[in-house]
PDB file of N, CA and C in Angstrom:
ATOM      1  N   MET A   1      60.858  39.847  70.709  1.00  0.00           N
ATOM      2  CA  MET A   1      60.503  40.256  72.102  1.00  0.00           C
ATOM      3  C   MET A   1      59.261  39.349  72.530  1.00  0.00           C
ATOM      4  N   SER A   2      59.282  38.760  73.540  1.00  0.00           N
ATOM      5  CA  SER A   2      58.323  37.879  74.058  1.00  0.00           C
ATOM      6  C   SER A   2      57.664  38.499  75.231  1.00  0.00           C
ATOM      7  N   VAL A   3      56.374  37.950  75.548  1.00  0.00           N
ATOM      8  CA  VAL A   3      55.794  38.349  76.707  1.00  0.00           C
ATOM      9  C   VAL A   3      56.478  37.934  78.001  1.00  0.00           C
ATOM     10  N   TYR A   4      57.246  36.787  77.880  1.00  0.00           N
ATOM     11  CA  TYR A   4      57.898  36.210  79.027  1.00  0.00           C
ATOM     12  C   TYR A   4      59.339  36.518  78.933  1.00  0.00           C
ATOM     13  N   ASP A   5      59.693  37.915  79.020  1.00  0.00           N
ATOM     14  CA  ASP A   5      61.093  38.346  78.992  1.00  0.00           C
ATOM     15  C   ASP A   5      61.646  38.107  80.398  1.00  0.00           C
ATOM     16  N   ILE A   6      63.015  38.183  80.477  1.00  0.00           N
ATOM     17  CA  ILE A   6      63.657  38.022  81.731  1.00  0.00           C
ATOM     18  C   ILE A   6      63.470  39.129  82.582  1.00  0.00           C
ATOM     19  N   GLY A   7      62.927  38.978  83.901  1.00  0.00           N
ATOM     20  CA  GLY A   7      62.573  39.944  84.742  1.00  0.00           C
ATOM     21  C   GLY A   7      60.989  40.281  84.888  1.00  0.00           C
ATOM     22  N   ARG A   8      60.331  39.606  84.050  1.00  0.00           N
ATOM     23  CA  ARG A   8      58.842  39.731  83.942  1.00  0.00           C
ATOM     24  C   ARG A   8      58.203  39.049  85.146  1.00  0.00           C
ATOM     25  N   VAL A   9      57.313  39.768  85.807  1.00  0.00           N
ATOM     26  CA  VAL A   9      56.535  39.251  87.030  1.00  0.00           C
ATOM     27  C   VAL A   9      55.375  38.425  86.470  1.00  0.00           C
ATOM     28  N   CYS A  10      55.164  37.283  87.005  1.00  0.00           N
ATOM     29  CA  CYS A  10      54.062  36.422  86.626  1.00  0.00           C
ATOM     30  C   CYS A  10      53.362  35.860  87.704  1.00  0.00           C
ATOM     31  N   VAL A  11      52.110  35.323  87.542  1.00  0.00           N
ATOM     32  CA  VAL A  11      51.404  34.637  88.510  1.00  0.00           C
ATOM     33  C   VAL A  11      51.388  33.104  88.113  1.00  0.00           C
ATOM     34  N   LYS A  12      51.717  32.190  89.085  1.00  0.00           N
ATOM     35  CA  LYS A  12      51.467  30.695  88.787  1.00  0.00           C
ATOM     36  C   LYS A  12      50.041  30.459  88.753  1.00  0.00           C
ATOM     37  N   THR A  13      49.467  29.726  87.787  1.00  0.00           N
ATOM     38  CA  THR A  13      48.097  29.364  87.785  1.00  0.00           C
ATOM     39  C   THR A  13      47.743  28.037  88.197  1.00  0.00           C
ATOM     40  N   THR A  14      48.743  27.205  88.179  1.00  0.00           N
ATOM     41  CA  THR A  14      48.480  25.720  88.587  1.00  0.00           C
ATOM     42  C   THR A  14      49.567  25.244  89.540  1.00  0.00           C
ATOM     43  N   GLY A  15      49.347  24.073  90.099  1.00  0.00           N
ATOM     44  CA  GLY A  15      50.318  23.490  90.987  1.00  0.00           C
ATOM     45  C   GLY A  15      50.196  23.973  92.360  1.00  0.00           C
ATOM     46  N   ARG A  16      51.104  23.527  93.220  1.00  0.00           N
ATOM     47  CA  ARG A  16      51.117  23.737  94.643  1.00  0.00           C
ATOM     48  C   ARG A  16      51.340  25.224  94.984  1.00  0.00           C
ATOM     49  N   GLU A  17      51.947  26.022  93.989  1.00  0.00           N
ATOM     50  CA  GLU A  17      52.212  27.393  94.247  1.00  0.00           C
ATOM     51  C   GLU A  17      51.341  28.227  93.443  1.00  0.00           C
ATOM     52  N   ALA A  18      50.053  27.860  93.075  1.00  0.00           N
ATOM     53  CA  ALA A  18      49.126  28.471  92.357  1.00  0.00           C
ATOM     54  C   ALA A  18      48.736  29.773  93.118  1.00  0.00           C
ATOM     55  N   GLY A  19      48.590  30.874  92.338  1.00  0.00           N
ATOM     56  CA  GLY A  19      48.264  32.165  93.001  1.00  0.00           C
ATOM     57  C   GLY A  19      49.479  32.930  93.457  1.00  0.00           C
ATOM     58  N   LYS A  20      50.607  32.405  93.485  1.00  0.00           N
ATOM     59  CA  LYS A  20      51.831  33.112  94.006  1.00  0.00           C
ATOM     60  C   LYS A  20      52.576  33.794  92.865  1.00  0.00           C
ATOM     61  N   TYR A  21      53.240  34.924  93.144  1.00  0.00           N
ATOM     62  CA  TYR A  21      53.901  35.703  92.159  1.00  0.00           C
ATOM     63  C   TYR A  21      55.328  35.035  92.009  1.00  0.00           C
ATOM     64  N   CYS A  22      55.833  35.218  90.770  1.00  0.00           N
ATOM     65  CA  CYS A  22      57.161  34.680  90.495  1.00  0.00           C
ATOM     66  C   CYS A  22      57.854  35.599  89.471  1.00  0.00           C
ATOM     67  N   ILE A  23      59.120  35.397  89.306  1.00  0.00           N
ATOM     68  CA  ILE A  23      59.879  36.260  88.356  1.00  0.00           C
ATOM     69  C   ILE A  23      60.523  35.339  87.330  1.00  0.00           C
ATOM     70  N   VAL A  24      60.507  35.749  86.003  1.00  0.00           N
ATOM     71  CA  VAL A  24      61.222  34.955  84.953  1.00  0.00           C
ATOM     72  C   VAL A  24      62.661  35.170  85.034  1.00  0.00           C
ATOM     73  N   VAL A  25      63.445  34.110  85.263  1.00  0.00           N
ATOM     74  CA  VAL A  25      64.870  34.271  85.429  1.00  0.00           C
ATOM     75  C   VAL A  25      65.639  33.851  84.196  1.00  0.00           C
ATOM     76  N   ASP A  26      65.098  32.915  83.421  1.00  0.00           N
ATOM     77  CA  ASP A  26      65.770  32.390  82.185  1.00  0.00           C
ATOM     78  C   ASP A  26      64.696  31.716  81.404  1.00  0.00           C
ATOM     79  N   ILE A  27      64.903  31.717  80.044  1.00  0.00           N
ATOM     80  CA  ILE A  27      64.055  30.960  79.159  1.00  0.00           C
ATOM     81  C   ILE A  27      64.775  29.775  78.736  1.00  0.00           C
ATOM     82  N   ILE A  28      64.271  28.646  79.083  1.00  0.00           N
ATOM     83  CA  ILE A  28      64.918  27.218  78.793  1.00  0.00           C
ATOM     84  C   ILE A  28      64.827  26.875  77.357  1.00  0.00           C
ATOM     85  N   ASP A  29      63.564  26.749  76.870  1.00  0.00           N
ATOM     86  CA  ASP A  29      63.263  26.397  75.559  1.00  0.00           C
ATOM     87  C   ASP A  29      61.841  26.847  75.190  1.00  0.00           C
ATOM     88  N   LYS A  30      61.301  26.462  74.127  1.00  0.00           N
ATOM     89  CA  LYS A  30      60.038  26.953  73.735  1.00  0.00           C
ATOM     90  C   LYS A  30      58.772  26.632  74.696  1.00  0.00           C
ATOM     91  N   ASN A  31      59.032  25.699  75.495  1.00  0.00           N
ATOM     92  CA  ASN A  31      57.910  25.384  76.482  1.00  0.00           C
ATOM     93  C   ASN A  31      58.244  25.660  77.924  1.00  0.00           C
ATOM     94  N   TYR A  32      59.554  25.781  78.331  1.00  0.00           N
ATOM     95  CA  TYR A  32      59.747  26.008  79.704  1.00  0.00           C
ATOM     96  C   TYR A  32      60.629  27.171  80.088  1.00  0.00           C
ATOM     97  N   ILE A  33      60.345  27.681  81.242  1.00  0.00           N
ATOM     98  CA  ILE A  33      60.935  28.947  81.747  1.00  0.00           C
ATOM     99  C   ILE A  33      61.381  28.660  83.077  1.00  0.00           C
ATOM    100  N   LEU A  34      62.591  29.256  83.464  1.00  0.00           N
ATOM    101  CA  LEU A  34      63.098  29.192  84.919  1.00  0.00           C
ATOM    102  C   LEU A  34      62.565  30.303  85.688  1.00  0.00           C
ATOM    103  N   ILE A  35      61.955  30.004  86.788  1.00  0.00           N
ATOM    104  CA  ILE A  35      61.204  30.991  87.641  1.00  0.00           C
ATOM    105  C   ILE A  35      61.864  30.922  89.060  1.00  0.00           C
ATOM    106  N   ASP A  36      61.687  32.039  89.678  1.00  0.00           N
ATOM    107  CA  ASP A  36      62.090  32.183  91.164  1.00  0.00           C
ATOM    108  C   ASP A  36      61.293  33.372  91.707  1.00  0.00           C
ATOM    109  N   GLY A  37      61.185  33.432  93.037  1.00  0.00           N
ATOM    110  CA  GLY A  37      60.511  34.471  93.673  1.00  0.00           C
ATOM    111  C   GLY A  37      60.563  34.429  95.233  1.00  0.00           C
ATOM    112  N   LEU A  38      59.884  35.285  95.892  1.00  0.00           N
ATOM    113  CA  LEU A  38      59.918  35.300  97.282  1.00  0.00           C
ATOM    114  C   LEU A  38      59.219  34.121  97.855  1.00  0.00           C
ATOM    115  N   ASN A  39      58.099  33.761  97.405  1.00  0.00           N
ATOM    116  CA  ASN A  39      57.269  32.619  97.876  1.00  0.00           C
ATOM    117  C   ASN A  39      57.340  31.432  97.026  1.00  0.00           C
ATOM    118  N   VAL A  40      58.184  31.457  95.987  1.00  0.00           N
ATOM    119  CA  VAL A  40      58.160  30.355  94.991  1.00  0.00           C
ATOM    120  C   VAL A  40      59.589  29.846  94.825  1.00  0.00           C
ATOM    121  N   ARG A  41      59.805  28.630  94.947  1.00  0.00           N
ATOM    122  CA  ARG A  41      61.163  27.917  94.743  1.00  0.00           C
ATOM    123  C   ARG A  41      61.537  28.167  93.309  1.00  0.00           C
ATOM    124  N   ARG A  42      62.898  28.170  93.180  1.00  0.00           N
ATOM    125  CA  ARG A  42      63.399  28.274  91.793  1.00  0.00           C
ATOM    126  C   ARG A  42      63.229  26.902  91.180  1.00  0.00           C
ATOM    127  N   ARG A  43      62.537  26.932  89.933  1.00  0.00           N
ATOM    128  CA  ARG A  43      62.199  25.806  89.246  1.00  0.00           C
ATOM    129  C   ARG A  43      61.858  26.029  87.863  1.00  0.00           C
ATOM    130  N   ARG A  44      61.823  24.917  87.114  1.00  0.00           N
ATOM    131  CA  ARG A  44      61.342  25.049  85.711  1.00  0.00           C
ATOM    132  C   ARG A  44      59.899  25.007  85.670  1.00  0.00           C
ATOM    133  N   ALA A  45      59.185  25.858  84.928  1.00  0.00           N
ATOM    134  CA  ALA A  45      57.822  25.785  84.848  1.00  0.00           C
ATOM    135  C   ALA A  45      57.366  25.944  83.347  1.00  0.00           C
ATOM    136  N   ASN A  46      56.311  25.293  83.013  1.00  0.00           N
ATOM    137  CA  ASN A  46      55.764  25.440  81.701  1.00  0.00           C
ATOM    138  C   ASN A  46      55.105  26.834  81.575  1.00  0.00           C
ATOM    139  N   TYR A  47      55.389  27.479  80.350  1.00  0.00           N
ATOM    140  CA  TYR A  47      54.811  28.814  80.207  1.00  0.00           C
ATOM    141  C   TYR A  47      53.298  28.811  80.208  1.00  0.00           C
ATOM    142  N   LYS A  48      52.617  27.763  79.999  1.00  0.00           N
ATOM    143  CA  LYS A  48      51.168  27.656  79.943  1.00  0.00           C
ATOM    144  C   LYS A  48      50.635  27.767  81.400  1.00  0.00           C
ATOM    145  N   HIS A  49      51.370  27.574  82.368  1.00  0.00           N
ATOM    146  CA  HIS A  49      51.082  27.592  83.740  1.00  0.00           C
ATOM    147  C   HIS A  49      51.340  28.858  84.324  1.00  0.00           C
ATOM    148  N   LEU A  50      51.724  29.900  83.610  1.00  0.00           N
ATOM    149  CA  LEU A  50      52.095  31.213  84.206  1.00  0.00           C
ATOM    150  C   LEU A  50      51.146  32.241  83.447  1.00  0.00           C
ATOM    151  N   GLU A  51      50.848  33.348  84.209  1.00  0.00           N
ATOM    152  CA  GLU A  51      50.085  34.445  83.687  1.00  0.00           C
ATOM    153  C   GLU A  51      50.917  35.726  83.903  1.00  0.00           C
ATOM    154  N   PRO A  52      51.472  36.324  82.845  1.00  0.00           N
ATOM    155  CA  PRO A  52      52.281  37.479  83.015  1.00  0.00           C
ATOM    156  C   PRO A  52      51.558  38.715  83.356  1.00  0.00           C
ATOM    157  N   ILE A  53      52.096  39.530  84.130  1.00  0.00           N
ATOM    158  CA  ILE A  53      51.469  40.774  84.545  1.00  0.00           C
ATOM    159  C   ILE A  53      52.243  41.943  84.068  1.00  0.00           C
ATOM    160  N   THR A  54      51.868  43.178  84.169  1.00  0.00           N
ATOM    161  CA  THR A  54      52.557  44.327  83.653  1.00  0.00           C
ATOM    162  C   THR A  54      53.851  44.772  84.266  1.00  0.00           C
ATOM    163  N   GLU A  55      54.021  44.329  85.523  1.00  0.00           N
ATOM    164  CA  GLU A  55      55.230  44.744  86.234  1.00  0.00           C
ATOM    165  C   GLU A  55      56.465  43.744  85.698  1.00  0.00           C
ATOM    166  N   SER A  56      57.667  44.445  85.824  1.00  0.00           N
ATOM    167  CA  SER A  56      58.862  43.610  85.566  1.00  0.00           C
ATOM    168  C   SER A  56      59.992  44.346  86.375  1.00  0.00           C
ATOM    169  N   ILE A  57      60.997  43.568  86.657  1.00  0.00           N
ATOM    170  CA  ILE A  57      62.186  44.108  87.467  1.00  0.00           C
ATOM    171  C   ILE A  57      63.417  43.943  86.513  1.00  0.00           C
ATOM    172  N   GLU A  58      64.482  44.683  86.881  1.00  0.00           N
ATOM    173  CA  GLU A  58      65.715  44.683  86.074  1.00  0.00           C
ATOM    174  C   GLU A  58      66.644  43.615  86.706  1.00  0.00           C
ATOM    175  N   ILE A  59      66.824  42.527  86.008  1.00  0.00           N
ATOM    176  CA  ILE A  59      67.693  41.449  86.474  1.00  0.00           C
ATOM    177  C   ILE A  59      68.513  40.861  85.229  1.00  0.00           C
ATOM    178  N   LYS A  60      69.590  40.255  85.499  1.00  0.00           N
ATOM    179  CA  LYS A  60      70.338  39.598  84.349  1.00  0.00           C
ATOM    180  C   LYS A  60      69.916  38.104  84.220  1.00  0.00           C
ATOM    181  N   LYS A  61      70.106  37.536  83.049  1.00  0.00           N
ATOM    182  CA  LYS A  61      69.727  36.255  82.753  1.00  0.00           C
ATOM    183  C   LYS A  61      70.497  35.325  83.778  1.00  0.00           C
ATOM    184  N   GLY A  62      69.721  34.441  84.430  1.00  0.00           N
ATOM    185  CA  GLY A  62      70.220  33.451  85.401  1.00  0.00           C
ATOM    186  C   GLY A  62      70.592  34.082  86.707  1.00  0.00           C
ATOM    187  N   ALA A  63      70.134  35.119  87.100  1.00  0.00           N
ATOM    188  CA  ALA A  63      70.451  35.871  88.295  1.00  0.00           C
ATOM    189  C   ALA A  63      70.087  34.921  89.492  1.00  0.00           C
ATOM    190  N   SER A  64      70.958  35.149  90.545  1.00  0.00           N
ATOM    191  CA  SER A  64      70.757  34.303  91.832  1.00  0.00           C
ATOM    192  C   SER A  64      69.614  34.760  92.530  1.00  0.00           C
ATOM    193  N   HIS A  65      69.211  33.976  93.546  1.00  0.00           N
ATOM    194  CA  HIS A  65      68.137  34.243  94.391  1.00  0.00           C
ATOM    195  C   HIS A  65      68.305  35.622  95.210  1.00  0.00           C
ATOM    196  N   THR A  66      69.491  35.769  95.672  1.00  0.00           N
ATOM    197  CA  THR A  66      69.743  37.041  96.386  1.00  0.00           C
ATOM    198  C   THR A  66      69.655  38.300  95.456  1.00  0.00           C
ATOM    199  N   ASP A  67      70.131  38.105  94.210  1.00  0.00           N
ATOM    200  CA  ASP A  67      70.035  39.210  93.263  1.00  0.00           C
ATOM    201  C   ASP A  67      68.560  39.533  93.022  1.00  0.00           C
ATOM    202  N   ILE A  68      67.735  38.505  92.848  1.00  0.00           N
ATOM    203  CA  ILE A  68      66.315  38.671  92.657  1.00  0.00           C
ATOM    204  C   ILE A  68      65.645  39.426  93.768  1.00  0.00           C
ATOM    205  N   GLU A  69      66.015  38.970  94.966  1.00  0.00           N
ATOM    206  CA  GLU A  69      65.383  39.617  96.220  1.00  0.00           C
ATOM    207  C   GLU A  69      65.769  41.103  96.324  1.00  0.00           C
ATOM    208  N   ALA A  70      67.010  41.402  95.938  1.00  0.00           N
ATOM    209  CA  ALA A  70      67.523  42.890  95.967  1.00  0.00           C
ATOM    210  C   ALA A  70      66.829  43.617  94.811  1.00  0.00           C
ATOM    211  N   ALA A  71      66.630  43.028  93.615  1.00  0.00           N
ATOM    212  CA  ALA A  71      65.949  43.804  92.629  1.00  0.00           C
ATOM    213  C   ALA A  71      64.482  43.953  92.970  1.00  0.00           C
ATOM    214  N   ILE A  72      63.863  43.072  93.587  1.00  0.00           N
ATOM    215  CA  ILE A  72      62.423  43.242  93.990  1.00  0.00           C
ATOM    216  C   ILE A  72      62.341  44.303  95.113  1.00  0.00           C
ATOM    217  N   LYS A  73      63.157  44.369  96.040  1.00  0.00           N
ATOM    218  CA  LYS A  73      63.214  45.513  96.970  1.00  0.00           C
ATOM    219  C   LYS A  73      63.403  46.804  96.351  1.00  0.00           C
ATOM    220  N   LYS A  74      64.354  46.878  95.398  1.00  0.00           N
ATOM    221  CA  LYS A  74      64.723  48.113  94.692  1.00  0.00           C
ATOM    222  C   LYS A  74      63.530  48.650  93.941  1.00  0.00           C
ATOM    223  N   ALA A  75      62.688  47.724  93.310  1.00  0.00           N
ATOM    224  CA  ALA A  75      61.521  48.075  92.600  1.00  0.00           C
ATOM    225  C   ALA A  75      60.301  48.218  93.407  1.00  0.00           C
ATOM    226  N   LYS A  76      60.505  48.058  94.721  1.00  0.00           N
ATOM    227  CA  LYS A  76      59.436  48.294  95.745  1.00  0.00           C
ATOM    228  C   LYS A  76      58.158  47.448  95.424  1.00  0.00           C
ATOM    229  N   LEU A  77      58.466  46.143  95.067  1.00  0.00           N
ATOM    230  CA  LEU A  77      57.361  45.184  94.717  1.00  0.00           C
ATOM    231  C   LEU A  77      57.360  44.149  95.820  1.00  0.00           C
ATOM    232  N   ASP A  78      58.063  44.206  96.892  1.00  0.00           N
ATOM    233  CA  ASP A  78      58.182  43.124  97.767  1.00  0.00           C
ATOM    234  C   ASP A  78      56.843  42.791  98.528  1.00  0.00           C
ATOM    235  N   LYS A  79      56.022  43.874  98.887  1.00  0.00           N
ATOM    236  CA  LYS A  79      54.671  43.592  99.497  1.00  0.00           C
ATOM    237  C   LYS A  79      53.791  42.867  98.518  1.00  0.00           C
ATOM    238  N   LYS A  80      53.832  43.337  97.237  1.00  0.00           N
ATOM    239  CA  LYS A  80      52.864  42.752  96.216  1.00  0.00           C
ATOM    240  C   LYS A  80      53.260  41.253  95.885  1.00  0.00           C
ATOM    241  N   LEU A  81      54.523  40.937  95.889  1.00  0.00           N
ATOM    242  CA  LEU A  81      54.965  39.665  95.574  1.00  0.00           C
ATOM    243  C   LEU A  81      54.856  38.661  96.720  1.00  0.00           C
ATOM    244  N   LYS A  82      54.610  39.049  97.885  1.00  0.00           N
ATOM    245  CA  LYS A  82      54.262  38.253  99.084  1.00  0.00           C
ATOM    246  C   LYS A  82      52.878  37.874  99.094  1.00  0.00           C
ATOM    247  N   GLU A  83      51.988  38.641  98.369  1.00  0.00           N
ATOM    248  CA  GLU A  83      50.550  38.340  98.379  1.00  0.00           C
ATOM    249  C   GLU A  83      50.247  37.064  97.600  1.00  0.00           C
ATOM    250  N   ILE A  84      49.022  36.488  97.866  1.00  0.00           N
ATOM    251  CA  ILE A  84      48.570  35.300  97.150  1.00  0.00           C
ATOM    252  C   ILE A  84      47.311  35.760  96.316  1.00  0.00           C
ATOM    253  N   VAL A  85      47.287  35.481  95.075  1.00  0.00           N
ATOM    254  CA  VAL A  85      46.121  35.951  94.262  1.00  0.00           C
ATOM    255  C   VAL A  85      45.190  34.778  94.196  1.00  0.00           C
ATOM    256  N   SER A  86      43.856  34.988  94.231  1.00  0.00           N
ATOM    257  CA  SER A  86      42.894  33.870  94.158  1.00  0.00           C
ATOM    258  C   SER A  86      42.745  33.510  92.643  1.00  0.00           C
ATOM    259  N   ILE A  87      42.901  32.333  92.244  1.00  0.00           N
ATOM    260  CA  ILE A  87      42.696  31.857  90.768  1.00  0.00           C
ATOM    261  C   ILE A  87      41.340  31.388  90.716  1.00  0.00           C
ATOM    262  N   PRO A  88      40.550  31.928  89.799  1.00  0.00           N
ATOM    263  CA  PRO A  88      39.183  31.469  89.548  1.00  0.00           C
ATOM    264  C   PRO A  88      39.201  29.934  88.981  1.00  0.00           C
ATOM    265  N   THR A  89      38.319  29.159  89.451  1.00  0.00           N
ATOM    266  CA  THR A  89      38.329  27.740  88.936  1.00  0.00           C
ATOM    267  C   THR A  89      37.354  27.658  87.758  1.00  0.00           C
ATOM    268  N   LYS A  90      37.580  26.652  86.895  1.00  0.00           N
ATOM    269  CA  LYS A  90      36.802  26.540  85.720  1.00  0.00           C
ATOM    270  C   LYS A  90      35.692  25.680  86.003  1.00  0.00           C
TER     271      LYS A  90
END
């Protein structure tokens, strides 16, 4: 069992989508994870560029974007996932 399980809510820490929430959709290999979200495009991301949080949603591996949106609404996390978190700079 990993910290980056399918359905885990994470915050992107680097890149153009830094500070936005995303959902782990699939685990590609030991370095990369497939993510998707309300404000994040579906893409491959390095796990080092994500910070997992305590929330998670119930989805299947490789779920479509519409399935993810429905699961977010069902878990009542849609307001939180539209927020942008400020990432402290080093």
